[in-house]
Amino acid sequence: MGRVIRTERDLDGRGESAQCFATTGLTVTECDRLAALPDPVEPARLDLTCELAIGHTDHHIAFAVAAHSGNQQWWLRWNGRLRDVVHIELCDGRDADEHNDCLLPHGHDGPHSFAIRPVHKLSPRRSEDAEVAGVGDGFAAPFGAELAVDGSHVCLDRVDRHA
């Protein structure tokens, strides 16, 4: 049985933190590594947004693909040019009020996923700020990036957006 927790309420009473705006894409090497995993549930995600709350102190992390028929979760962890594709089990945190499970990796920094407001659910003003800053929930390849296409997947050849 997972840990049962109660979320702290923020100023508006919803108990939510805003999601980090950092985005990136997979390199060809990362994409090839993930594409080689057995029994993926879906192809690896190409446009990745950090899933932690704004203000986290650890590396950015984004879910990339579930392999082995969904029994293994693979994540991209990055901080500037340091990048790593890692297998990490899901957090065992659970919201006692809503019966939601945390969908972040075990040992993550900050609040659980059910207490984080996704980027696409930001207020219109916050969304405009994100677009001006070059981050948001839409995918835009970084300047100078090239796409590699190999029949089954597309990956960025070079990426470095928002450290």
N, C-alpha and C. Protein backbone atom coordinates (compact mmCIF):
# COMPACT_ATOMS: atom_id res chain seq x y z
N MET A 1 0.85 -1.19 0.00
CA MET A 1 0.00 0.00 0.00
C MET A 1 0.88 1.24 0.00
N GLY A 2 0.55 2.23 -0.80
CA GLY A 2 1.33 3.46 -0.90
C GLY A 2 1.10 4.37 0.29
N ARG A 3 1.97 5.35 0.41
CA ARG A 3 1.82 6.35 1.47
C ARG A 3 0.59 7.18 1.18
N VAL A 4 -0.18 7.49 2.21
CA VAL A 4 -1.33 8.36 2.07
C VAL A 4 -0.94 9.71 2.64
N ILE A 5 -1.14 10.77 1.85
CA ILE A 5 -0.76 12.10 2.31
C ILE A 5 -1.90 13.07 2.11
N ARG A 6 -1.82 14.19 2.76
CA ARG A 6 -2.76 15.28 2.53
C ARG A 6 -1.97 16.44 1.97
N THR A 7 -2.52 17.09 0.96
CA THR A 7 -1.82 18.21 0.35
C THR A 7 -2.05 19.47 1.17
N GLU A 8 -1.03 20.33 1.21
CA GLU A 8 -1.20 21.63 1.84
C GLU A 8 -1.96 22.51 0.87
N ARG A 9 -2.81 23.36 1.39
CA ARG A 9 -3.60 24.26 0.55
C ARG A 9 -2.80 25.53 0.27
N ASP A 10 -2.84 25.96 -0.99
CA ASP A 10 -2.17 27.21 -1.31
C ASP A 10 -3.14 28.37 -1.07
N LEU A 11 -2.77 29.57 -1.48
CA LEU A 11 -3.56 30.76 -1.17
C LEU A 11 -4.97 30.71 -1.75
N ASP A 12 -5.17 30.07 -2.89
CA ASP A 12 -6.51 30.03 -3.46
C ASP A 12 -7.29 28.80 -3.00
N GLY A 13 -6.73 28.00 -2.11
CA GLY A 13 -7.43 26.88 -1.52
C GLY A 13 -7.49 25.62 -2.35
N ARG A 14 -6.89 25.60 -3.53
CA ARG A 14 -6.97 24.42 -4.39
C ARG A 14 -5.91 23.39 -4.08
N GLY A 15 -4.91 23.73 -3.30
CA GLY A 15 -3.87 22.77 -2.98
C GLY A 15 -3.00 22.42 -4.17
N GLU A 16 -2.80 23.36 -5.09
CA GLU A 16 -2.02 23.08 -6.29
C GLU A 16 -0.81 24.00 -6.39
N SER A 17 0.26 23.47 -6.94
CA SER A 17 1.44 24.24 -7.30
C SER A 17 1.48 24.30 -8.82
N ALA A 18 2.10 25.32 -9.38
CA ALA A 18 2.23 25.40 -10.83
C ALA A 18 3.35 24.48 -11.30
N GLN A 19 3.17 23.92 -12.48
CA GLN A 19 4.16 23.02 -13.08
C GLN A 19 5.34 23.82 -13.63
N CYS A 20 6.52 23.25 -13.52
CA CYS A 20 7.74 23.85 -14.08
C CYS A 20 7.56 24.04 -15.59
N PHE A 21 8.12 25.13 -16.13
CA PHE A 21 7.98 25.44 -17.55
C PHE A 21 9.07 24.82 -18.43
N ALA A 22 10.10 24.23 -17.86
CA ALA A 22 11.23 23.75 -18.65
C ALA A 22 10.79 22.67 -19.64
N THR A 23 11.22 22.82 -20.89
CA THR A 23 10.87 21.86 -21.94
C THR A 23 12.13 21.42 -22.67
N THR A 24 12.04 20.27 -23.30
CA THR A 24 13.14 19.76 -24.11
C THR A 24 12.57 18.73 -25.08
N GLY A 25 13.42 18.19 -25.91
CA GLY A 25 13.05 17.10 -26.80
C GLY A 25 14.11 16.02 -26.69
N LEU A 26 13.81 14.85 -27.21
CA LEU A 26 14.77 13.75 -27.16
C LEU A 26 15.83 13.90 -28.24
N THR A 27 17.06 13.57 -27.91
CA THR A 27 18.11 13.50 -28.93
C THR A 27 17.92 12.20 -29.71
N VAL A 28 18.60 12.07 -30.82
CA VAL A 28 18.52 10.84 -31.61
C VAL A 28 18.96 9.65 -30.77
N THR A 29 20.04 9.81 -30.04
CA THR A 29 20.55 8.72 -29.20
C THR A 29 19.53 8.31 -28.15
N GLU A 30 18.93 9.29 -27.48
CA GLU A 30 17.92 9.00 -26.46
C GLU A 30 16.70 8.33 -27.08
N CYS A 31 16.28 8.84 -28.22
CA CYS A 31 15.12 8.28 -28.90
C CYS A 31 15.38 6.84 -29.33
N ASP A 32 16.56 6.58 -29.87
CA ASP A 32 16.92 5.21 -30.27
C ASP A 32 16.93 4.27 -29.07
N ARG A 33 17.46 4.74 -27.96
CA ARG A 33 17.52 3.91 -26.75
C ARG A 33 16.10 3.56 -26.28
N LEU A 34 15.22 4.54 -26.27
CA LEU A 34 13.85 4.30 -25.83
C LEU A 34 13.07 3.44 -26.83
N ALA A 35 13.32 3.64 -28.13
CA ALA A 35 12.64 2.86 -29.16
C ALA A 35 13.05 1.38 -29.10
N ALA A 36 14.22 1.10 -28.56
CA ALA A 36 14.71 -0.28 -28.47
C ALA A 36 14.13 -1.04 -27.28
N LEU A 37 13.43 -0.36 -26.38
CA LEU A 37 12.85 -1.03 -25.22
C LEU A 37 11.74 -1.97 -25.66
N PRO A 38 11.60 -3.12 -25.00
CA PRO A 38 10.57 -4.08 -25.39
C PRO A 38 9.16 -3.66 -24.97
N ASP A 39 8.21 -3.96 -25.81
CA ASP A 39 6.78 -3.79 -25.54
C ASP A 39 6.39 -2.41 -25.01
N PRO A 40 6.71 -1.33 -25.76
CA PRO A 40 6.28 -0.01 -25.30
C PRO A 40 4.76 0.12 -25.41
N VAL A 41 4.16 0.83 -24.48
CA VAL A 41 2.72 1.06 -24.53
C VAL A 41 2.38 1.98 -25.69
N GLU A 42 3.19 3.03 -25.88
CA GLU A 42 3.08 3.98 -26.99
C GLU A 42 4.49 4.37 -27.37
N PRO A 43 4.68 5.01 -28.53
CA PRO A 43 6.03 5.51 -28.87
C PRO A 43 6.48 6.56 -27.84
N ALA A 44 7.78 6.75 -27.73
CA ALA A 44 8.32 7.75 -26.80
C ALA A 44 7.77 9.13 -27.14
N ARG A 45 7.53 9.92 -26.11
CA ARG A 45 7.06 11.29 -26.29
C ARG A 45 8.20 12.15 -26.82
N LEU A 46 7.91 13.00 -27.78
CA LEU A 46 8.95 13.82 -28.40
C LEU A 46 9.13 15.16 -27.72
N ASP A 47 8.03 15.77 -27.31
CA ASP A 47 8.11 17.07 -26.65
C ASP A 47 7.88 16.86 -25.16
N LEU A 48 8.90 17.11 -24.39
CA LEU A 48 8.87 16.82 -22.97
C LEU A 48 8.86 18.11 -22.16
N THR A 49 8.02 18.15 -21.14
CA THR A 49 7.96 19.26 -20.20
C THR A 49 8.24 18.71 -18.82
N CYS A 50 9.06 19.40 -18.07
CA CYS A 50 9.36 18.96 -16.70
C CYS A 50 8.05 18.80 -15.95
N GLU A 51 7.91 17.71 -15.24
CA GLU A 51 6.66 17.40 -14.56
C GLU A 51 6.66 17.81 -13.09
N LEU A 52 7.77 18.35 -12.62
CA LEU A 52 7.85 18.79 -11.23
C LEU A 52 7.24 20.19 -11.08
N ALA A 53 7.06 20.62 -9.84
CA ALA A 53 6.52 21.95 -9.57
C ALA A 53 7.59 23.01 -9.76
N ILE A 54 7.16 24.21 -10.12
CA ILE A 54 8.09 25.34 -10.22
C ILE A 54 8.83 25.49 -8.90
N GLY A 55 10.12 25.75 -8.99
CA GLY A 55 10.93 25.95 -7.79
C GLY A 55 11.59 24.68 -7.28
N HIS A 56 11.45 23.57 -8.00
CA HIS A 56 12.10 22.34 -7.54
C HIS A 56 13.61 22.54 -7.52
N THR A 57 14.29 21.79 -6.67
CA THR A 57 15.73 21.99 -6.50
C THR A 57 16.57 20.93 -7.18
N ASP A 58 15.96 19.92 -7.71
CA ASP A 58 16.69 18.83 -8.36
C ASP A 58 16.64 19.02 -9.88
N HIS A 59 17.19 18.06 -10.63
CA HIS A 59 17.13 18.08 -12.09
C HIS A 59 15.68 18.12 -12.56
N HIS A 60 15.47 18.60 -13.79
CA HIS A 60 14.16 18.50 -14.43
C HIS A 60 13.94 17.02 -14.76
N ILE A 61 12.69 16.61 -14.80
CA ILE A 61 12.39 15.22 -15.17
C ILE A 61 11.05 15.17 -15.89
N ALA A 62 11.00 14.35 -16.95
CA ALA A 62 9.77 14.20 -17.73
C ALA A 62 9.60 12.74 -18.12
N PHE A 63 8.38 12.27 -18.06
CA PHE A 63 8.06 10.91 -18.48
C PHE A 63 8.27 10.80 -19.98
N ALA A 64 8.94 9.75 -20.42
CA ALA A 64 9.23 9.56 -21.85
C ALA A 64 8.44 8.39 -22.44
N VAL A 65 8.45 7.23 -21.76
CA VAL A 65 7.76 6.06 -22.31
C VAL A 65 7.57 5.01 -21.22
N ALA A 66 6.49 4.22 -21.37
CA ALA A 66 6.27 3.05 -20.53
C ALA A 66 6.60 1.83 -21.38
N ALA A 67 7.48 0.98 -20.89
CA ALA A 67 7.90 -0.22 -21.64
C ALA A 67 7.49 -1.47 -20.87
N HIS A 68 7.84 -2.62 -21.42
CA HIS A 68 7.49 -3.91 -20.81
C HIS A 68 6.00 -3.95 -20.49
N SER A 69 5.18 -3.62 -21.49
CA SER A 69 3.71 -3.62 -21.37
C SER A 69 3.22 -2.69 -20.26
N GLY A 70 3.94 -1.61 -20.01
CA GLY A 70 3.54 -0.62 -19.01
C GLY A 70 4.11 -0.86 -17.63
N ASN A 71 4.92 -1.90 -17.46
CA ASN A 71 5.46 -2.22 -16.14
C ASN A 71 6.75 -1.48 -15.80
N GLN A 72 7.34 -0.77 -16.76
CA GLN A 72 8.54 0.03 -16.51
C GLN A 72 8.31 1.44 -17.03
N GLN A 73 8.60 2.42 -16.20
CA GLN A 73 8.49 3.82 -16.60
C GLN A 73 9.88 4.37 -16.85
N TRP A 74 10.06 4.99 -18.02
CA TRP A 74 11.35 5.57 -18.39
C TRP A 74 11.19 7.08 -18.47
N TRP A 75 12.16 7.78 -17.94
CA TRP A 75 12.12 9.23 -17.78
C TRP A 75 13.37 9.84 -18.39
N LEU A 76 13.24 11.09 -18.83
CA LEU A 76 14.42 11.88 -19.19
C LEU A 76 14.66 12.84 -18.04
N ARG A 77 15.87 12.80 -17.50
CA ARG A 77 16.28 13.70 -16.43
C ARG A 77 17.33 14.63 -17.01
N TRP A 78 17.19 15.95 -16.83
CA TRP A 78 18.15 16.88 -17.43
C TRP A 78 18.35 18.11 -16.56
N ASN A 79 19.52 18.71 -16.76
CA ASN A 79 19.88 19.97 -16.13
C ASN A 79 20.92 20.61 -17.03
N GLY A 80 20.51 21.57 -17.83
CA GLY A 80 21.42 22.15 -18.81
C GLY A 80 21.78 21.10 -19.84
N ARG A 81 23.06 20.88 -20.05
CA ARG A 81 23.51 19.89 -21.04
C ARG A 81 23.64 18.48 -20.45
N LEU A 82 23.51 18.35 -19.14
CA LEU A 82 23.55 17.02 -18.51
C LEU A 82 22.20 16.36 -18.69
N ARG A 83 22.19 15.20 -19.36
CA ARG A 83 20.95 14.51 -19.68
C ARG A 83 21.12 13.02 -19.42
N ASP A 84 20.04 12.38 -18.98
CA ASP A 84 20.11 10.97 -18.67
C ASP A 84 18.74 10.34 -18.85
N VAL A 85 18.66 9.24 -19.59
CA VAL A 85 17.44 8.45 -19.70
C VAL A 85 17.51 7.40 -18.60
N VAL A 86 16.49 7.39 -17.73
CA VAL A 86 16.53 6.52 -16.56
C VAL A 86 15.21 5.77 -16.37
N HIS A 87 15.33 4.57 -15.81
CA HIS A 87 14.15 3.80 -15.41
C HIS A 87 13.96 4.05 -13.92
N ILE A 88 12.81 4.60 -13.56
CA ILE A 88 12.48 4.84 -12.16
C ILE A 88 11.03 4.42 -11.95
N GLU A 89 10.79 3.69 -10.89
CA GLU A 89 9.42 3.29 -10.55
C GLU A 89 8.61 4.52 -10.15
N LEU A 90 7.29 4.40 -10.19
CA LEU A 90 6.43 5.50 -9.80
C LEU A 90 6.47 5.72 -8.29
N CYS A 91 6.22 6.95 -7.90
CA CYS A 91 6.10 7.33 -6.49
C CYS A 91 4.93 6.56 -5.88
N ASP A 92 5.01 6.29 -4.59
CA ASP A 92 3.91 5.59 -3.94
C ASP A 92 2.99 6.54 -3.17
N GLY A 93 3.12 7.86 -3.42
CA GLY A 93 2.26 8.85 -2.77
C GLY A 93 0.82 8.75 -3.26
N ARG A 94 -0.10 8.99 -2.33
CA ARG A 94 -1.52 8.91 -2.68
C ARG A 94 -2.28 10.02 -1.95
N ASP A 95 -3.18 10.68 -2.66
CA ASP A 95 -4.01 11.73 -2.09
C ASP A 95 -5.17 11.08 -1.35
N ALA A 96 -5.24 11.29 -0.04
CA ALA A 96 -6.28 10.67 0.78
C ALA A 96 -7.68 11.17 0.42
N ASP A 97 -7.78 12.43 0.00
CA ASP A 97 -9.10 13.01 -0.29
C ASP A 97 -9.67 12.55 -1.63
N GLU A 98 -8.86 12.54 -2.65
CA GLU A 98 -9.33 12.26 -4.01
C GLU A 98 -9.01 10.85 -4.49
N HIS A 99 -8.24 10.10 -3.74
CA HIS A 99 -7.83 8.75 -4.11
C HIS A 99 -7.02 8.72 -5.40
N ASN A 100 -6.20 9.75 -5.61
CA ASN A 100 -5.32 9.82 -6.77
C ASN A 100 -3.93 9.33 -6.40
N ASP A 101 -3.30 8.62 -7.31
CA ASP A 101 -1.91 8.20 -7.12
C ASP A 101 -0.98 9.24 -7.73
N CYS A 102 0.20 9.37 -7.16
CA CYS A 102 1.21 10.26 -7.72
C CYS A 102 1.81 9.60 -8.95
N LEU A 103 1.90 10.34 -10.04
CA LEU A 103 2.42 9.82 -11.30
C LEU A 103 3.84 10.31 -11.59
N LEU A 104 4.54 10.76 -10.56
CA LEU A 104 5.94 11.19 -10.70
C LEU A 104 6.85 10.03 -10.29
N PRO A 105 8.13 10.12 -10.63
CA PRO A 105 9.04 9.05 -10.25
C PRO A 105 9.29 9.00 -8.75
N HIS A 106 9.55 7.81 -8.25
CA HIS A 106 9.84 7.60 -6.84
C HIS A 106 11.01 8.49 -6.41
N GLY A 107 10.89 9.15 -5.27
CA GLY A 107 11.94 10.00 -4.75
C GLY A 107 11.97 11.39 -5.35
N HIS A 108 10.91 11.78 -6.07
CA HIS A 108 10.89 13.10 -6.72
C HIS A 108 10.95 14.23 -5.70
N ASP A 109 11.37 15.41 -6.17
CA ASP A 109 11.45 16.62 -5.38
C ASP A 109 10.10 17.34 -5.43
N GLY A 110 9.67 17.91 -4.32
CA GLY A 110 8.47 18.74 -4.31
C GLY A 110 7.17 17.97 -4.15
N PRO A 111 6.05 18.66 -4.45
CA PRO A 111 4.73 18.05 -4.25
C PRO A 111 4.46 16.90 -5.23
N HIS A 112 3.47 16.11 -4.88
CA HIS A 112 3.05 14.99 -5.73
C HIS A 112 2.29 15.51 -6.96
N SER A 113 2.19 14.68 -7.98
CA SER A 113 1.58 15.10 -9.26
C SER A 113 0.15 15.60 -9.10
N PHE A 114 -0.61 15.02 -8.19
CA PHE A 114 -2.00 15.43 -8.03
C PHE A 114 -2.12 16.82 -7.39
N ALA A 115 -1.02 17.38 -6.92
CA ALA A 115 -1.02 18.73 -6.33
C ALA A 115 -0.31 19.74 -7.25
N ILE A 116 -0.04 19.34 -8.50
CA ILE A 116 0.63 20.23 -9.46
C ILE A 116 -0.33 20.55 -10.59
N ARG A 117 -0.51 21.83 -10.86
CA ARG A 117 -1.38 22.29 -11.95
C ARG A 117 -0.57 22.23 -13.24
N PRO A 118 -0.99 21.42 -14.22
CA PRO A 118 -0.24 21.29 -15.48
C PRO A 118 -0.10 22.61 -16.21
N VAL A 119 0.93 22.72 -17.03
CA VAL A 119 1.20 23.93 -17.81
C VAL A 119 -0.02 24.33 -18.62
N HIS A 120 -0.71 23.38 -19.25
CA HIS A 120 -1.85 23.72 -20.11
C HIS A 120 -3.06 24.19 -19.33
N LYS A 121 -3.04 24.11 -17.99
CA LYS A 121 -4.16 24.58 -17.17
C LYS A 121 -3.85 25.91 -16.49
N LEU A 122 -2.82 26.59 -16.93
CA LEU A 122 -2.49 27.89 -16.36
C LEU A 122 -3.53 28.92 -16.79
N SER A 123 -3.60 30.00 -16.04
CA SER A 123 -4.50 31.08 -16.42
C SER A 123 -4.06 31.65 -17.76
N PRO A 124 -4.96 32.33 -18.51
CA PRO A 124 -4.56 32.90 -19.80
C PRO A 124 -3.34 33.81 -19.69
N ARG A 125 -3.24 34.60 -18.64
CA ARG A 125 -2.09 35.50 -18.48
C ARG A 125 -0.81 34.70 -18.31
N ARG A 126 -0.82 33.66 -17.47
CA ARG A 126 0.37 32.84 -17.25
C ARG A 126 0.76 32.13 -18.54
N SER A 127 -0.23 31.69 -19.33
CA SER A 127 0.07 31.02 -20.60
C SER A 127 0.74 31.97 -21.57
N GLU A 128 0.27 33.23 -21.61
CA GLU A 128 0.90 34.22 -22.49
C GLU A 128 2.34 34.45 -22.07
N ASP A 129 2.59 34.55 -20.76
CA ASP A 129 3.95 34.73 -20.26
C ASP A 129 4.83 33.57 -20.68
N ALA A 130 4.29 32.35 -20.63
CA ALA A 130 5.07 31.17 -21.00
C ALA A 130 5.42 31.21 -22.48
N GLU A 131 4.46 31.62 -23.33
CA GLU A 131 4.74 31.68 -24.76
C GLU A 131 5.80 32.72 -25.07
N VAL A 132 5.73 33.88 -24.41
CA VAL A 132 6.73 34.92 -24.62
C VAL A 132 8.10 34.41 -24.21
N ALA A 133 8.15 33.63 -23.15
CA ALA A 133 9.42 33.09 -22.65
C ALA A 133 9.92 31.94 -23.51
N GLY A 134 9.11 31.48 -24.47
CA GLY A 134 9.53 30.39 -25.35
C GLY A 134 9.27 29.02 -24.77
N VAL A 135 8.44 28.95 -23.76
CA VAL A 135 8.08 27.67 -23.19
C VAL A 135 6.56 27.59 -23.14
N GLY A 136 6.04 26.43 -23.06
CA GLY A 136 4.60 26.25 -23.01
C GLY A 136 4.28 24.84 -23.40
N ASP A 137 3.00 24.57 -23.59
CA ASP A 137 2.67 23.18 -23.86
C ASP A 137 2.73 22.83 -25.34
N GLY A 138 3.00 23.78 -26.23
CA GLY A 138 3.19 23.47 -27.64
C GLY A 138 4.64 23.07 -27.89
N PHE A 139 4.88 22.27 -28.92
CA PHE A 139 6.25 21.83 -29.21
C PHE A 139 6.86 22.73 -30.26
N ALA A 140 8.02 23.27 -29.96
CA ALA A 140 8.77 24.07 -30.93
C ALA A 140 10.22 23.63 -30.85
N ALA A 141 10.76 23.20 -31.95
CA ALA A 141 12.16 22.76 -31.95
C ALA A 141 13.06 23.96 -31.68
N PRO A 142 14.11 23.77 -30.91
CA PRO A 142 15.03 24.86 -30.63
C PRO A 142 15.76 25.29 -31.89
N PHE A 143 16.26 26.52 -31.89
CA PHE A 143 16.99 27.04 -33.03
C PHE A 143 18.16 26.12 -33.35
N GLY A 144 18.31 25.76 -34.60
CA GLY A 144 19.42 24.91 -35.03
C GLY A 144 19.17 23.43 -34.89
N ALA A 145 17.99 23.04 -34.39
CA ALA A 145 17.72 21.61 -34.22
C ALA A 145 17.35 20.99 -35.56
N GLU A 146 17.71 19.75 -35.73
CA GLU A 146 17.34 19.02 -36.93
C GLU A 146 16.52 17.81 -36.52
N LEU A 147 15.55 17.45 -37.34
CA LEU A 147 14.74 16.29 -37.04
C LEU A 147 15.29 15.08 -37.78
N ALA A 148 15.35 13.97 -37.08
CA ALA A 148 15.77 12.71 -37.69
C ALA A 148 14.53 11.83 -37.79
N VAL A 149 14.22 11.35 -38.96
CA VAL A 149 13.03 10.53 -39.16
C VAL A 149 13.47 9.14 -39.57
N ASP A 150 12.93 8.15 -38.89
CA ASP A 150 13.30 6.79 -39.24
C ASP A 150 12.05 5.91 -39.25
N GLY A 151 11.09 6.20 -40.06
CA GLY A 151 9.91 5.38 -40.23
C GLY A 151 9.02 5.27 -39.00
N SER A 152 9.57 4.88 -37.85
CA SER A 152 8.75 4.65 -36.68
C SER A 152 8.81 5.77 -35.66
N HIS A 153 9.83 6.63 -35.74
CA HIS A 153 9.89 7.71 -34.76
C HIS A 153 10.67 8.91 -35.30
N VAL A 154 10.41 10.04 -34.69
CA VAL A 154 11.08 11.29 -35.05
C VAL A 154 11.74 11.82 -33.80
N CYS A 155 12.99 12.24 -33.91
CA CYS A 155 13.71 12.75 -32.75
C CYS A 155 14.47 14.01 -33.11
N LEU A 156 14.71 14.84 -32.13
CA LEU A 156 15.56 16.00 -32.33
C LEU A 156 17.01 15.57 -32.30
N ASP A 157 17.80 16.11 -33.20
CA ASP A 157 19.21 15.78 -33.25
C ASP A 157 20.01 16.59 -32.23
N ARG A 158 19.57 17.80 -31.95
CA ARG A 158 20.28 18.63 -30.98
C ARG A 158 19.24 19.44 -30.22
N VAL A 159 19.31 19.44 -28.91
CA VAL A 159 18.36 20.20 -28.12
C VAL A 159 19.06 20.86 -26.96
N ASP A 160 18.53 21.96 -26.53
CA ASP A 160 19.00 22.63 -25.32
C ASP A 160 18.06 23.79 -25.03
N ARG A 161 16.90 23.48 -24.51
CA ARG A 161 15.94 24.52 -24.16
C ARG A 161 15.79 24.56 -22.66
N HIS A 162 15.81 25.71 -22.10
CA HIS A 162 15.56 25.97 -20.68
C HIS A 162 16.27 24.99 -19.76
N ALA A 163 17.36 25.37 -19.25
CA ALA A 163 18.12 24.51 -18.33
C ALA A 163 17.42 24.33 -17.03
